[in-house]
């Protein structure tokens, strides 16, 4: 069972490959929604306050980072390096875009700064996912075997 869960996806039948990928993207989106819940009643704490209430906590952000890094490591180990980026980084980036686009900005002149916020957090997420996927990829057994084969062929 462990071999089936950790073997490269390219060796698995295509329905299993795509089901695993869709499940990974769904888990990534679910982690975002669970760790950073949307408060559709986002409102100022008092009539004079400029800051709005937010359900986002430090623990939620840390949990999201941990979940995304684990998913990136899993898919980096099992699949090609671009797949973790598509499966793990894109769903939260899309949900963050929707969240920032639907909530009005603060009345202090930074109402149009949300694209920069989105771009920064998307870039940080993508970089973290790529690094985690690349590190996990180094622990693949078939990758080590292919390097050995290439070295043996190069000697001849």
N, C-alpha and C. Protein backbone atom coordinates (compact mmCIF):
# COMPACT_ATOMS: atom_id res chain seq x y z
N UNK A 1 0.83 -1.20 0.00
CA UNK A 1 0.00 0.00 0.00
C UNK A 1 0.86 1.25 0.00
N UNK A 2 1.95 1.24 0.79
CA UNK A 2 2.83 2.41 0.84
C UNK A 2 3.48 2.64 -0.51
N UNK A 3 3.84 1.56 -1.19
CA UNK A 3 4.46 1.70 -2.51
C UNK A 3 3.51 2.38 -3.49
N UNK A 4 2.24 2.05 -3.40
CA UNK A 4 1.26 2.65 -4.29
C UNK A 4 1.08 4.13 -4.00
N UNK A 5 1.15 4.52 -2.73
CA UNK A 5 0.98 5.92 -2.34
C UNK A 5 2.20 6.78 -2.62
N UNK A 6 3.38 6.16 -2.73
CA UNK A 6 4.61 6.92 -2.90
C UNK A 6 5.30 6.70 -4.23
N UNK A 7 4.78 5.80 -5.06
CA UNK A 7 5.41 5.55 -6.36
C UNK A 7 5.16 6.74 -7.29
N UNK A 8 6.03 6.95 -8.26
CA UNK A 8 5.84 8.06 -9.21
C UNK A 8 4.50 7.93 -9.93
N UNK A 9 3.84 9.05 -10.10
CA UNK A 9 2.52 9.02 -10.74
C UNK A 9 2.61 8.61 -12.21
N UNK A 10 3.74 8.84 -12.85
CA UNK A 10 3.85 8.46 -14.26
C UNK A 10 3.78 6.95 -14.46
N UNK A 11 3.99 6.18 -13.39
CA UNK A 11 3.91 4.72 -13.50
C UNK A 11 2.50 4.20 -13.20
N UNK A 12 1.62 5.06 -12.78
CA UNK A 12 0.26 4.66 -12.42
C UNK A 12 -0.67 4.82 -13.63
N UNK A 13 -1.80 4.11 -13.66
CA UNK A 13 -2.78 4.28 -14.75
C UNK A 13 -3.32 5.71 -14.77
N UNK A 14 -3.71 6.19 -15.94
CA UNK A 14 -4.10 7.58 -16.05
C UNK A 14 -5.30 7.97 -15.19
N UNK A 15 -6.32 7.12 -14.97
CA UNK A 15 -7.41 7.55 -14.08
C UNK A 15 -6.91 7.79 -12.64
N UNK A 16 -6.03 6.93 -12.19
CA UNK A 16 -5.48 7.10 -10.84
C UNK A 16 -4.62 8.37 -10.76
N UNK A 17 -3.85 8.61 -11.81
CA UNK A 17 -3.02 9.82 -11.85
C UNK A 17 -3.85 11.08 -11.73
N UNK A 18 -4.89 11.17 -12.55
CA UNK A 18 -5.69 12.38 -12.57
C UNK A 18 -6.58 12.50 -11.34
N UNK A 19 -7.06 11.40 -10.82
CA UNK A 19 -7.83 11.44 -9.58
C UNK A 19 -6.96 11.94 -8.42
N UNK A 20 -5.72 11.48 -8.37
CA UNK A 20 -4.79 11.94 -7.34
C UNK A 20 -4.53 13.43 -7.48
N UNK A 21 -4.35 13.89 -8.70
CA UNK A 21 -4.09 15.32 -8.92
C UNK A 21 -5.29 16.18 -8.56
N UNK A 22 -6.48 15.74 -8.95
CA UNK A 22 -7.69 16.51 -8.60
C UNK A 22 -7.89 16.53 -7.09
N UNK A 23 -7.64 15.41 -6.44
CA UNK A 23 -7.74 15.35 -4.99
C UNK A 23 -6.72 16.30 -4.34
N UNK A 24 -5.52 16.37 -4.88
CA UNK A 24 -4.51 17.29 -4.36
C UNK A 24 -4.93 18.75 -4.48
N UNK A 25 -5.48 19.12 -5.62
CA UNK A 25 -5.96 20.49 -5.80
C UNK A 25 -7.12 20.79 -4.86
N UNK A 26 -8.01 19.82 -4.67
CA UNK A 26 -9.14 20.01 -3.75
C UNK A 26 -8.65 20.14 -2.31
N UNK A 27 -7.66 19.36 -1.94
CA UNK A 27 -7.10 19.47 -0.58
C UNK A 27 -6.43 20.82 -0.37
N UNK A 28 -5.77 21.31 -1.38
CA UNK A 28 -5.12 22.62 -1.29
C UNK A 28 -6.16 23.72 -1.10
N UNK A 29 -7.23 23.68 -1.86
CA UNK A 29 -8.30 24.67 -1.72
C UNK A 29 -9.00 24.53 -0.37
N UNK A 30 -9.24 23.30 0.06
CA UNK A 30 -9.89 23.07 1.35
C UNK A 30 -9.01 23.56 2.50
N UNK A 31 -7.70 23.37 2.40
CA UNK A 31 -6.80 23.87 3.45
C UNK A 31 -6.89 25.39 3.54
N UNK A 32 -6.94 26.05 2.40
CA UNK A 32 -7.08 27.52 2.41
C UNK A 32 -8.39 27.94 3.06
N UNK A 33 -9.47 27.29 2.67
CA UNK A 33 -10.79 27.67 3.20
C UNK A 33 -10.92 27.36 4.69
N UNK A 34 -10.30 26.28 5.15
CA UNK A 34 -10.37 25.94 6.58
C UNK A 34 -9.46 26.81 7.43
N UNK A 35 -8.28 27.11 6.92
CA UNK A 35 -7.30 27.86 7.72
C UNK A 35 -7.51 29.37 7.66
N UNK A 36 -8.03 29.86 6.56
CA UNK A 36 -8.29 31.29 6.41
C UNK A 36 -9.76 31.49 6.05
N UNK A 37 -10.64 31.34 7.03
CA UNK A 37 -12.08 31.41 6.72
C UNK A 37 -12.48 32.82 6.26
N UNK A 38 -13.47 32.84 5.41
CA UNK A 38 -13.97 34.11 4.92
C UNK A 38 -15.08 34.58 5.84
N UNK A 39 -15.01 35.82 6.25
CA UNK A 39 -16.08 36.42 7.04
C UNK A 39 -16.83 37.36 6.12
N UNK A 40 -17.96 36.90 5.62
CA UNK A 40 -18.73 37.72 4.69
C UNK A 40 -19.38 38.92 5.39
N UNK A 41 -19.35 38.89 6.71
CA UNK A 41 -19.88 40.03 7.48
C UNK A 41 -18.74 40.95 7.90
N UNK A 42 -17.66 40.98 7.13
CA UNK A 42 -16.50 41.79 7.46
C UNK A 42 -16.94 43.23 7.70
N UNK A 43 -16.68 43.74 8.89
CA UNK A 43 -17.22 45.04 9.28
C UNK A 43 -16.28 45.71 10.27
N UNK A 44 -16.37 47.02 10.41
CA UNK A 44 -15.58 47.72 11.43
C UNK A 44 -16.04 47.30 12.82
N UNK A 45 -15.08 47.30 13.79
CA UNK A 45 -15.43 46.92 15.15
C UNK A 45 -16.35 47.93 15.80
N UNK A 46 -16.17 49.21 15.48
CA UNK A 46 -17.05 50.26 15.99
C UNK A 46 -17.30 51.25 14.86
N UNK A 47 -18.17 52.18 15.10
CA UNK A 47 -18.54 53.13 14.05
C UNK A 47 -17.36 54.00 13.62
N UNK A 48 -16.42 54.29 14.52
CA UNK A 48 -15.31 55.17 14.19
C UNK A 48 -14.06 54.42 13.71
N UNK A 49 -14.05 53.12 13.80
CA UNK A 49 -12.84 52.34 13.51
C UNK A 49 -12.61 52.23 12.00
N UNK A 50 -11.33 52.30 11.63
CA UNK A 50 -10.96 52.10 10.24
C UNK A 50 -10.65 50.64 9.95
N UNK A 51 -10.18 49.92 10.97
CA UNK A 51 -9.83 48.51 10.81
C UNK A 51 -11.09 47.66 10.90
N UNK A 52 -11.14 46.64 10.04
CA UNK A 52 -12.26 45.71 10.05
C UNK A 52 -11.90 44.47 10.84
N UNK A 53 -12.90 43.75 11.27
CA UNK A 53 -12.64 42.48 11.96
C UNK A 53 -12.16 41.47 10.93
N UNK A 54 -11.38 40.52 11.37
CA UNK A 54 -10.87 39.50 10.47
C UNK A 54 -10.80 38.17 11.21
N UNK A 55 -11.28 37.09 10.58
CA UNK A 55 -11.20 35.78 11.22
C UNK A 55 -9.83 35.12 11.04
N UNK A 56 -8.89 35.77 10.35
CA UNK A 56 -7.57 35.18 10.09
C UNK A 56 -6.70 35.32 11.34
N UNK A 57 -6.11 34.19 11.75
CA UNK A 57 -5.24 34.19 12.92
C UNK A 57 -3.84 33.71 12.51
N UNK A 58 -2.89 33.94 13.38
CA UNK A 58 -1.53 33.45 13.13
C UNK A 58 -1.48 31.94 13.05
N UNK A 59 -2.25 31.28 13.91
CA UNK A 59 -2.31 29.81 13.88
C UNK A 59 -2.89 29.32 12.56
N UNK A 60 -3.88 30.02 12.04
CA UNK A 60 -4.48 29.64 10.76
C UNK A 60 -3.48 29.77 9.62
N UNK A 61 -2.71 30.86 9.63
CA UNK A 61 -1.71 31.05 8.58
C UNK A 61 -0.62 29.98 8.69
N UNK A 62 -0.16 29.69 9.92
CA UNK A 62 0.86 28.66 10.12
C UNK A 62 0.33 27.29 9.69
N UNK A 63 -0.91 27.00 9.99
CA UNK A 63 -1.52 25.72 9.58
C UNK A 63 -1.61 25.63 8.06
N UNK A 64 -1.97 26.72 7.41
CA UNK A 64 -2.05 26.73 5.95
C UNK A 64 -0.67 26.50 5.34
N UNK A 65 0.34 27.17 5.86
CA UNK A 65 1.70 27.00 5.35
C UNK A 65 2.14 25.54 5.51
N UNK A 66 1.89 24.96 6.66
CA UNK A 66 2.28 23.56 6.90
C UNK A 66 1.55 22.63 5.94
N UNK A 67 0.25 22.83 5.78
CA UNK A 67 -0.53 21.96 4.89
C UNK A 67 -0.04 22.07 3.44
N UNK A 68 0.21 23.29 2.98
CA UNK A 68 0.66 23.47 1.60
C UNK A 68 2.06 22.91 1.38
N UNK A 69 2.93 23.06 2.37
CA UNK A 69 4.28 22.48 2.24
C UNK A 69 4.24 20.95 2.20
N UNK A 70 3.37 20.35 3.02
CA UNK A 70 3.24 18.89 3.00
C UNK A 70 2.69 18.41 1.65
N UNK A 71 1.68 19.09 1.15
CA UNK A 71 1.14 18.72 -0.17
C UNK A 71 2.18 18.91 -1.27
N UNK A 72 2.93 20.00 -1.20
CA UNK A 72 3.96 20.25 -2.21
C UNK A 72 5.05 19.19 -2.15
N UNK A 73 5.43 18.79 -0.94
CA UNK A 73 6.44 17.75 -0.80
C UNK A 73 5.91 16.42 -1.35
N UNK A 74 4.67 16.11 -1.08
CA UNK A 74 4.08 14.86 -1.56
C UNK A 74 4.05 14.82 -3.08
N UNK A 75 3.54 15.89 -3.69
CA UNK A 75 3.45 15.89 -5.15
C UNK A 75 4.82 16.10 -5.81
N UNK A 76 5.73 16.78 -5.14
CA UNK A 76 7.09 16.89 -5.65
C UNK A 76 7.79 15.55 -5.67
N UNK A 77 7.48 14.72 -4.69
CA UNK A 77 8.07 13.39 -4.62
C UNK A 77 7.48 12.46 -5.67
N UNK A 78 6.19 12.62 -5.95
CA UNK A 78 5.50 11.67 -6.82
C UNK A 78 5.41 12.09 -8.28
N UNK A 79 5.53 13.38 -8.57
CA UNK A 79 5.20 13.84 -9.91
C UNK A 79 6.28 14.77 -10.44
N UNK A 80 6.09 15.25 -11.65
CA UNK A 80 7.01 16.21 -12.26
C UNK A 80 6.97 17.51 -11.46
N UNK A 81 8.01 18.31 -11.57
CA UNK A 81 8.17 19.47 -10.71
C UNK A 81 7.12 20.56 -10.94
N UNK A 82 6.55 20.64 -12.12
CA UNK A 82 5.54 21.67 -12.38
C UNK A 82 4.20 21.35 -11.74
N UNK A 83 3.91 20.09 -11.52
CA UNK A 83 2.61 19.72 -10.96
C UNK A 83 2.36 20.26 -9.55
N UNK A 84 3.32 20.24 -8.64
CA UNK A 84 3.03 20.83 -7.33
C UNK A 84 2.65 22.31 -7.42
N UNK A 85 3.27 23.01 -8.35
CA UNK A 85 2.93 24.42 -8.52
C UNK A 85 1.47 24.56 -8.95
N UNK A 86 1.06 23.76 -9.92
CA UNK A 86 -0.32 23.84 -10.41
C UNK A 86 -1.34 23.33 -9.39
N UNK A 87 -1.00 22.26 -8.69
CA UNK A 87 -1.97 21.63 -7.80
C UNK A 87 -2.03 22.26 -6.42
N UNK A 88 -0.91 22.78 -5.94
CA UNK A 88 -0.85 23.26 -4.56
C UNK A 88 -0.88 24.78 -4.47
N UNK A 89 -0.25 25.48 -5.39
CA UNK A 89 -0.18 26.94 -5.29
C UNK A 89 -1.32 27.66 -5.99
N UNK A 90 -1.82 27.11 -7.08
CA UNK A 90 -2.85 27.81 -7.86
C UNK A 90 -4.20 27.90 -7.13
N UNK A 91 -4.71 26.83 -6.52
CA UNK A 91 -6.02 26.98 -5.85
C UNK A 91 -6.04 28.06 -4.74
N UNK A 92 -5.05 28.11 -3.83
CA UNK A 92 -5.08 29.20 -2.84
C UNK A 92 -4.90 30.58 -3.48
N UNK A 93 -4.08 30.67 -4.52
CA UNK A 93 -3.91 31.96 -5.19
C UNK A 93 -5.21 32.42 -5.82
N UNK A 94 -5.95 31.50 -6.39
CA UNK A 94 -7.24 31.84 -6.99
C UNK A 94 -8.24 32.27 -5.92
N UNK A 95 -8.29 31.53 -4.82
CA UNK A 95 -9.21 31.89 -3.74
C UNK A 95 -8.83 33.22 -3.09
N UNK A 96 -7.53 33.49 -2.95
CA UNK A 96 -7.09 34.77 -2.41
C UNK A 96 -7.48 35.90 -3.35
N UNK A 97 -7.35 35.69 -4.65
CA UNK A 97 -7.76 36.69 -5.63
C UNK A 97 -9.25 37.01 -5.49
N UNK A 98 -10.06 35.97 -5.41
CA UNK A 98 -11.51 36.18 -5.27
C UNK A 98 -11.81 36.90 -3.96
N UNK A 99 -11.14 36.51 -2.89
CA UNK A 99 -11.36 37.14 -1.60
C UNK A 99 -10.99 38.62 -1.62
N UNK A 100 -9.84 38.94 -2.16
CA UNK A 100 -9.41 40.34 -2.20
C UNK A 100 -10.26 41.15 -3.17
N UNK A 101 -10.70 40.54 -4.22
CA UNK A 101 -11.51 41.25 -5.22
C UNK A 101 -12.91 41.57 -4.70
N UNK A 102 -13.46 40.71 -3.85
CA UNK A 102 -14.83 40.90 -3.40
C UNK A 102 -14.95 41.76 -2.15
N UNK A 103 -13.85 41.90 -1.38
CA UNK A 103 -13.91 42.74 -0.19
C UNK A 103 -13.47 44.15 -0.53
N UNK A 104 -14.22 45.15 -0.09
CA UNK A 104 -13.81 46.52 -0.37
C UNK A 104 -12.55 46.87 0.42
N UNK A 105 -11.74 47.74 -0.16
CA UNK A 105 -10.52 48.16 0.50
C UNK A 105 -10.80 49.17 1.59
N UNK A 106 -9.81 49.46 2.43
CA UNK A 106 -9.99 50.44 3.49
C UNK A 106 -10.09 51.85 2.90
N UNK A 107 -10.74 52.75 3.59
CA UNK A 107 -10.94 54.09 3.06
C UNK A 107 -9.71 55.00 3.23
N UNK A 108 -8.54 54.46 3.45
CA UNK A 108 -7.36 55.28 3.71
C UNK A 108 -6.45 55.45 2.49
N UNK A 109 -6.95 55.20 1.30
CA UNK A 109 -6.16 55.40 0.10
C UNK A 109 -5.50 54.15 -0.43
N UNK A 110 -5.60 53.03 0.27
CA UNK A 110 -4.98 51.80 -0.19
C UNK A 110 -5.99 50.85 -0.82
N UNK A 111 -7.09 51.40 -1.28
CA UNK A 111 -8.14 50.57 -1.85
C UNK A 111 -7.67 49.82 -3.10
N UNK A 112 -6.73 50.38 -3.84
CA UNK A 112 -6.26 49.74 -5.06
C UNK A 112 -4.95 49.00 -4.88
N UNK A 113 -4.56 48.72 -3.63
CA UNK A 113 -3.30 48.02 -3.37
C UNK A 113 -3.48 46.50 -3.36
N UNK A 114 -4.70 46.00 -3.50
CA UNK A 114 -4.91 44.56 -3.40
C UNK A 114 -4.19 43.78 -4.49
N UNK A 115 -4.01 44.31 -5.72
CA UNK A 115 -3.24 43.50 -6.69
C UNK A 115 -1.80 43.26 -6.25
N UNK A 116 -1.19 44.23 -5.61
CA UNK A 116 0.17 44.04 -5.10
C UNK A 116 0.20 43.02 -3.98
N UNK A 117 -0.78 43.07 -3.11
CA UNK A 117 -0.89 42.10 -2.02
C UNK A 117 -1.05 40.70 -2.59
N UNK A 118 -1.94 40.56 -3.56
CA UNK A 118 -2.17 39.26 -4.18
C UNK A 118 -0.91 38.75 -4.86
N UNK A 119 -0.24 39.62 -5.63
CA UNK A 119 0.96 39.21 -6.34
C UNK A 119 2.07 38.79 -5.37
N UNK A 120 2.24 39.53 -4.29
CA UNK A 120 3.28 39.20 -3.32
C UNK A 120 3.02 37.83 -2.69
N UNK A 121 1.82 37.61 -2.18
CA UNK A 121 1.52 36.34 -1.51
C UNK A 121 1.48 35.17 -2.50
N UNK A 122 1.09 35.41 -3.72
CA UNK A 122 1.12 34.36 -4.73
C UNK A 122 2.56 33.98 -5.05
N UNK A 123 3.43 34.96 -5.18
CA UNK A 123 4.84 34.70 -5.45
C UNK A 123 5.50 33.95 -4.30
N UNK A 124 5.22 34.35 -3.07
CA UNK A 124 5.78 33.67 -1.90
C UNK A 124 5.29 32.23 -1.82
N UNK A 125 4.01 32.03 -2.07
CA UNK A 125 3.43 30.68 -2.04
C UNK A 125 4.05 29.81 -3.13
N UNK A 126 4.13 30.34 -4.34
CA UNK A 126 4.70 29.58 -5.45
C UNK A 126 6.16 29.22 -5.18
N UNK A 127 6.93 30.15 -4.65
CA UNK A 127 8.34 29.87 -4.35
C UNK A 127 8.46 28.78 -3.29
N UNK A 128 7.65 28.87 -2.24
CA UNK A 128 7.68 27.85 -1.19
C UNK A 128 7.30 26.48 -1.71
N UNK A 129 6.29 26.43 -2.56
CA UNK A 129 5.84 25.16 -3.14
C UNK A 129 6.93 24.57 -4.04
N UNK A 130 7.56 25.41 -4.85
CA UNK A 130 8.61 24.90 -5.73
C UNK A 130 9.81 24.38 -4.95
N UNK A 131 10.19 25.09 -3.90
CA UNK A 131 11.32 24.64 -3.09
C UNK A 131 10.99 23.33 -2.39
N UNK A 132 9.81 23.25 -1.78
CA UNK A 132 9.42 22.01 -1.09
C UNK A 132 9.33 20.85 -2.08
N UNK A 133 8.77 21.10 -3.26
CA UNK A 133 8.68 20.05 -4.27
C UNK A 133 10.04 19.60 -4.76
N UNK A 134 10.95 20.54 -4.95
CA UNK A 134 12.30 20.19 -5.42
C UNK A 134 13.08 19.41 -4.36
N UNK A 135 12.93 19.80 -3.11
CA UNK A 135 13.62 19.08 -2.04
C UNK A 135 13.07 17.66 -1.92
N UNK A 136 11.75 17.51 -1.96
CA UNK A 136 11.15 16.18 -1.87
C UNK A 136 11.51 15.32 -3.07
N UNK A 137 11.69 15.95 -4.21
CA UNK A 137 12.03 15.21 -5.43
C UNK A 137 13.40 14.54 -5.30
N UNK A 138 14.28 15.10 -4.50
CA UNK A 138 15.62 14.54 -4.33
C UNK A 138 15.59 13.19 -3.62
N UNK A 139 14.49 12.88 -2.95
CA UNK A 139 14.38 11.62 -2.21
C UNK A 139 13.69 10.52 -3.01
N UNK A 140 13.46 10.75 -4.29
CA UNK A 140 12.84 9.73 -5.13
C UNK A 140 13.85 8.65 -5.45
N UNK A 141 13.45 7.40 -5.29
CA UNK A 141 14.34 6.27 -5.56
C UNK A 141 14.60 6.14 -7.06
N UNK A 142 13.57 6.34 -7.89
CA UNK A 142 13.77 6.18 -9.33
C UNK A 142 14.65 7.27 -9.90
N UNK A 143 14.67 8.44 -9.27
CA UNK A 143 15.55 9.51 -9.72
C UNK A 143 17.00 9.13 -9.47
N UNK A 144 17.27 8.54 -8.33
CA UNK A 144 18.63 8.09 -8.03
C UNK A 144 19.05 6.98 -8.99
N UNK A 145 18.12 6.06 -9.29
CA UNK A 145 18.43 4.99 -10.23
C UNK A 145 18.71 5.53 -11.63
N UNK A 146 17.95 6.53 -12.05
CA UNK A 146 18.17 7.09 -13.39
C UNK A 146 19.50 7.82 -13.47
N UNK A 147 19.91 8.47 -12.38
CA UNK A 147 21.23 9.11 -12.36
C UNK A 147 22.33 8.06 -12.48
N UNK A 148 22.19 6.95 -11.77
CA UNK A 148 23.18 5.88 -11.86
C UNK A 148 23.27 5.32 -13.28
N UNK A 149 22.12 5.14 -13.92
CA UNK A 149 22.11 4.63 -15.29
C UNK A 149 22.78 5.62 -16.24
N UNK A 150 22.50 6.92 -16.06
CA UNK A 150 23.10 7.92 -16.93
C UNK A 150 24.62 7.96 -16.74
N UNK A 151 25.07 7.82 -15.51
CA UNK A 151 26.50 7.81 -15.27
C UNK A 151 27.16 6.60 -15.90
N UNK A 152 26.52 5.45 -15.82
CA UNK A 152 27.06 4.23 -16.42
C UNK A 152 27.10 4.35 -17.94
N UNK A 153 26.06 4.93 -18.54
CA UNK A 153 26.04 5.11 -19.98
C UNK A 153 27.10 6.11 -20.43
N UNK A 154 27.31 7.15 -19.61
CA UNK A 154 28.32 8.15 -19.97
C UNK A 154 29.72 7.58 -19.94
N UNK A 155 29.96 6.58 -19.12
CA UNK A 155 31.29 5.97 -19.05
C UNK A 155 31.61 5.18 -20.31
N UNK A 156 30.60 4.65 -20.98
CA UNK A 156 30.83 3.84 -22.17
C UNK A 156 30.87 4.77 -23.32
